[in-house]
Amino acid sequence: MQEIMLLKTIPITKNFIDFKKLSTLVKEAFPSKENLILSKFVEMAQNPDFDFLGLYDENLFVGFMAIKKYKKLNYLFFLQL
């Protein structure tokens, strides 16, 4: 029997509690040529049309996603688990 993962989202800000884990995951997931600048995404998330969210399975950080919102459309930039 498979376990079901129920994801919870938490906004990523400059005070994000798992910033170190997020940074490690980004380094593992993206090649250095595609350097993802986390501070830029945190800055962009201050705008109401952009979400930068940490993903948790219960209390365990398991990934992140970045979403651009426009009218009734949501564009998923990244989803990393």
N, C-alpha and C. Protein backbone atom coordinates (compact mmCIF):
# COMPACT_ATOMS: atom_id res chain seq x y z
N MET A 1 0.83 -1.18 0.00
CA MET A 1 0.00 0.00 0.00
C MET A 1 0.88 1.25 0.00
N GLN A 2 0.55 2.20 -0.86
CA GLN A 2 1.34 3.42 -0.96
C GLN A 2 0.89 4.45 0.06
N GLU A 3 1.86 5.19 0.56
CA GLU A 3 1.56 6.30 1.45
C GLU A 3 1.14 7.50 0.61
N ILE A 4 0.21 8.26 1.12
CA ILE A 4 -0.24 9.46 0.43
C ILE A 4 0.47 10.66 1.05
N MET A 5 1.01 11.51 0.17
CA MET A 5 1.66 12.73 0.63
C MET A 5 0.65 13.87 0.53
N LEU A 6 0.36 14.51 1.63
CA LEU A 6 -0.53 15.66 1.66
C LEU A 6 0.33 16.90 1.83
N LEU A 7 0.42 17.69 0.76
CA LEU A 7 1.31 18.85 0.79
C LEU A 7 0.62 20.08 1.37
N LYS A 8 1.40 20.80 2.14
CA LYS A 8 0.97 22.07 2.72
C LYS A 8 1.95 23.11 2.18
N THR A 9 1.47 24.33 1.91
CA THR A 9 2.34 25.38 1.40
C THR A 9 2.57 26.45 2.46
N ILE A 10 3.79 26.98 2.44
CA ILE A 10 4.16 28.09 3.31
C ILE A 10 4.90 29.11 2.45
N PRO A 11 4.49 30.38 2.48
CA PRO A 11 5.19 31.40 1.68
C PRO A 11 6.67 31.47 2.06
N ILE A 12 7.52 31.58 1.04
CA ILE A 12 8.96 31.73 1.27
C ILE A 12 9.28 33.22 1.30
N THR A 13 9.79 33.64 2.44
CA THR A 13 10.22 35.03 2.64
C THR A 13 11.69 35.02 3.05
N LYS A 14 12.24 36.19 3.30
CA LYS A 14 13.65 36.25 3.72
C LYS A 14 13.85 35.57 5.08
N ASN A 15 12.77 35.38 5.85
CA ASN A 15 12.86 34.73 7.16
C ASN A 15 12.38 33.28 7.13
N PHE A 16 12.30 32.70 5.96
CA PHE A 16 11.84 31.32 5.79
C PHE A 16 12.68 30.39 6.64
N ILE A 17 12.04 29.61 7.49
CA ILE A 17 12.74 28.79 8.47
C ILE A 17 13.64 27.72 7.84
N ASP A 18 13.29 27.23 6.66
CA ASP A 18 14.07 26.18 6.01
C ASP A 18 14.86 26.71 4.81
N PHE A 19 15.34 27.95 4.91
CA PHE A 19 16.06 28.56 3.79
C PHE A 19 17.32 27.76 3.43
N LYS A 20 17.99 27.21 4.41
CA LYS A 20 19.21 26.43 4.14
C LYS A 20 18.86 25.16 3.35
N LYS A 21 17.77 24.48 3.73
CA LYS A 21 17.33 23.29 2.99
C LYS A 21 16.90 23.67 1.58
N LEU A 22 16.21 24.80 1.45
CA LEU A 22 15.79 25.29 0.14
C LEU A 22 17.01 25.55 -0.74
N SER A 23 18.00 26.21 -0.21
CA SER A 23 19.22 26.51 -0.95
C SER A 23 19.92 25.24 -1.40
N THR A 24 20.00 24.25 -0.53
CA THR A 24 20.62 22.96 -0.88
C THR A 24 19.85 22.28 -2.00
N LEU A 25 18.53 22.27 -1.90
CA LEU A 25 17.70 21.65 -2.93
C LEU A 25 17.88 22.34 -4.28
N VAL A 26 17.94 23.65 -4.29
CA VAL A 26 18.13 24.40 -5.53
C VAL A 26 19.47 24.05 -6.17
N LYS A 27 20.52 23.94 -5.36
CA LYS A 27 21.84 23.59 -5.90
C LYS A 27 21.86 22.19 -6.49
N GLU A 28 21.09 21.28 -5.89
CA GLU A 28 21.02 19.91 -6.40
C GLU A 28 20.15 19.81 -7.65
N ALA A 29 19.11 20.62 -7.72
CA ALA A 29 18.12 20.50 -8.79
C ALA A 29 18.46 21.25 -10.07
N PHE A 30 19.21 22.32 -9.96
CA PHE A 30 19.50 23.15 -11.13
C PHE A 30 20.99 23.19 -11.42
N PRO A 31 21.36 23.03 -12.68
CA PRO A 31 22.77 23.15 -13.05
C PRO A 31 23.29 24.56 -12.75
N SER A 32 24.57 24.68 -12.50
CA SER A 32 25.14 25.99 -12.17
C SER A 32 24.90 27.03 -13.27
N LYS A 33 24.77 26.57 -14.53
CA LYS A 33 24.49 27.49 -15.64
C LYS A 33 23.11 28.12 -15.50
N GLU A 34 22.21 27.43 -14.82
CA GLU A 34 20.84 27.91 -14.62
C GLU A 34 20.68 28.44 -13.19
N ASN A 35 21.68 29.16 -12.75
CA ASN A 35 21.72 29.65 -11.38
C ASN A 35 20.41 30.34 -10.98
N LEU A 36 19.71 29.74 -10.05
CA LEU A 36 18.46 30.29 -9.55
C LEU A 36 18.78 31.18 -8.35
N ILE A 37 18.49 32.46 -8.47
CA ILE A 37 18.82 33.42 -7.42
C ILE A 37 17.62 33.53 -6.47
N LEU A 38 17.75 32.89 -5.32
CA LEU A 38 16.64 32.81 -4.39
C LEU A 38 16.18 34.17 -3.90
N SER A 39 17.11 35.07 -3.66
CA SER A 39 16.73 36.40 -3.16
C SER A 39 15.85 37.13 -4.17
N LYS A 40 16.06 36.89 -5.46
CA LYS A 40 15.23 37.51 -6.49
C LYS A 40 13.80 36.97 -6.42
N PHE A 41 13.66 35.66 -6.22
CA PHE A 41 12.33 35.07 -6.11
C PHE A 41 11.62 35.54 -4.84
N VAL A 42 12.34 35.68 -3.75
CA VAL A 42 11.76 36.20 -2.51
C VAL A 42 11.27 37.63 -2.75
N GLU A 43 12.06 38.42 -3.44
CA GLU A 43 11.67 39.80 -3.77
C GLU A 43 10.42 39.82 -4.67
N MET A 44 10.40 38.96 -5.68
CA MET A 44 9.26 38.90 -6.60
C MET A 44 7.99 38.48 -5.86
N ALA A 45 8.12 37.65 -4.84
CA ALA A 45 6.96 37.15 -4.10
C ALA A 45 6.29 38.23 -3.25
N GLN A 46 6.92 39.37 -3.12
CA GLN A 46 6.30 40.49 -2.42
C GLN A 46 5.18 41.11 -3.26
N ASN A 47 5.18 40.79 -4.55
CA ASN A 47 4.15 41.26 -5.46
C ASN A 47 2.97 40.29 -5.39
N PRO A 48 1.73 40.78 -5.33
CA PRO A 48 0.58 39.87 -5.20
C PRO A 48 0.35 38.94 -6.40
N ASP A 49 1.02 39.19 -7.53
CA ASP A 49 0.82 38.32 -8.69
C ASP A 49 1.90 37.24 -8.83
N PHE A 50 2.66 37.01 -7.75
CA PHE A 50 3.71 35.99 -7.79
C PHE A 50 3.76 35.28 -6.44
N ASP A 51 3.74 33.95 -6.46
CA ASP A 51 3.86 33.16 -5.23
C ASP A 51 5.14 32.32 -5.28
N PHE A 52 5.87 32.34 -4.19
CA PHE A 52 7.05 31.50 -4.01
C PHE A 52 6.77 30.72 -2.72
N LEU A 53 6.53 29.43 -2.86
CA LEU A 53 6.00 28.64 -1.75
C LEU A 53 6.87 27.43 -1.41
N GLY A 54 7.09 27.23 -0.12
CA GLY A 54 7.72 26.01 0.36
C GLY A 54 6.67 24.93 0.47
N LEU A 55 7.04 23.71 0.15
CA LEU A 55 6.11 22.57 0.20
C LEU A 55 6.51 21.65 1.35
N TYR A 56 5.52 21.27 2.14
CA TYR A 56 5.75 20.44 3.32
C TYR A 56 4.82 19.25 3.31
N ASP A 57 5.36 18.11 3.69
CA ASP A 57 4.57 16.92 3.98
C ASP A 57 4.57 16.83 5.51
N GLU A 58 3.45 17.21 6.10
CA GLU A 58 3.34 17.41 7.54
C GLU A 58 4.34 18.50 7.92
N ASN A 59 5.37 18.21 8.70
CA ASN A 59 6.36 19.24 9.08
C ASN A 59 7.69 19.08 8.36
N LEU A 60 7.73 18.23 7.35
CA LEU A 60 8.98 17.95 6.63
C LEU A 60 9.03 18.76 5.33
N PHE A 61 10.06 19.60 5.17
CA PHE A 61 10.25 20.36 3.94
C PHE A 61 10.58 19.38 2.82
N VAL A 62 9.78 19.41 1.75
CA VAL A 62 9.99 18.46 0.65
C VAL A 62 10.19 19.13 -0.71
N GLY A 63 10.04 20.45 -0.79
CA GLY A 63 10.23 21.10 -2.08
C GLY A 63 9.71 22.52 -2.10
N PHE A 64 9.60 23.04 -3.33
CA PHE A 64 9.12 24.41 -3.50
C PHE A 64 8.47 24.57 -4.86
N MET A 65 7.73 25.66 -5.00
CA MET A 65 7.18 26.01 -6.30
C MET A 65 7.09 27.53 -6.42
N ALA A 66 7.14 27.98 -7.66
CA ALA A 66 7.00 29.40 -7.97
C ALA A 66 5.90 29.53 -9.00
N ILE A 67 4.96 30.44 -8.72
CA ILE A 67 3.78 30.59 -9.58
C ILE A 67 3.58 32.06 -9.92
N LYS A 68 3.41 32.34 -11.21
CA LYS A 68 3.08 33.68 -11.70
C LYS A 68 1.58 33.69 -11.98
N LYS A 69 0.88 34.69 -11.43
CA LYS A 69 -0.56 34.79 -11.60
C LYS A 69 -0.89 35.97 -12.53
N TYR A 70 -1.82 35.73 -13.44
CA TYR A 70 -2.27 36.78 -14.34
C TYR A 70 -3.75 36.55 -14.63
N LYS A 71 -4.58 37.48 -14.17
CA LYS A 71 -6.03 37.35 -14.31
C LYS A 71 -6.47 35.99 -13.77
N LYS A 72 -7.06 35.13 -14.61
CA LYS A 72 -7.51 33.81 -14.16
C LYS A 72 -6.52 32.71 -14.51
N LEU A 73 -5.31 33.09 -14.91
CA LEU A 73 -4.29 32.13 -15.32
C LEU A 73 -3.19 32.06 -14.28
N ASN A 74 -2.76 30.85 -13.96
CA ASN A 74 -1.61 30.64 -13.08
C ASN A 74 -0.56 29.86 -13.85
N TYR A 75 0.66 30.41 -13.94
CA TYR A 75 1.75 29.77 -14.66
C TYR A 75 2.74 29.22 -13.65
N LEU A 76 2.95 27.92 -13.67
CA LEU A 76 3.88 27.28 -12.76
C LEU A 76 5.29 27.37 -13.33
N PHE A 77 6.13 28.22 -12.73
CA PHE A 77 7.52 28.36 -13.16
C PHE A 77 8.33 27.13 -12.77
N PHE A 78 8.24 26.78 -11.48
CA PHE A 78 9.02 25.66 -10.95
C PHE A 78 8.17 24.84 -10.01
N LEU A 79 8.41 23.56 -10.03
CA LEU A 79 7.88 22.66 -9.01
C LEU A 79 8.98 21.64 -8.77
N GLN A 80 9.56 21.70 -7.61
CA GLN A 80 10.68 20.82 -7.28
C GLN A 80 10.36 20.08 -5.99
N LEU A 81 10.30 18.76 -6.07
CA LEU A 81 10.09 17.92 -4.89
C LEU A 81 11.29 17.05 -4.64
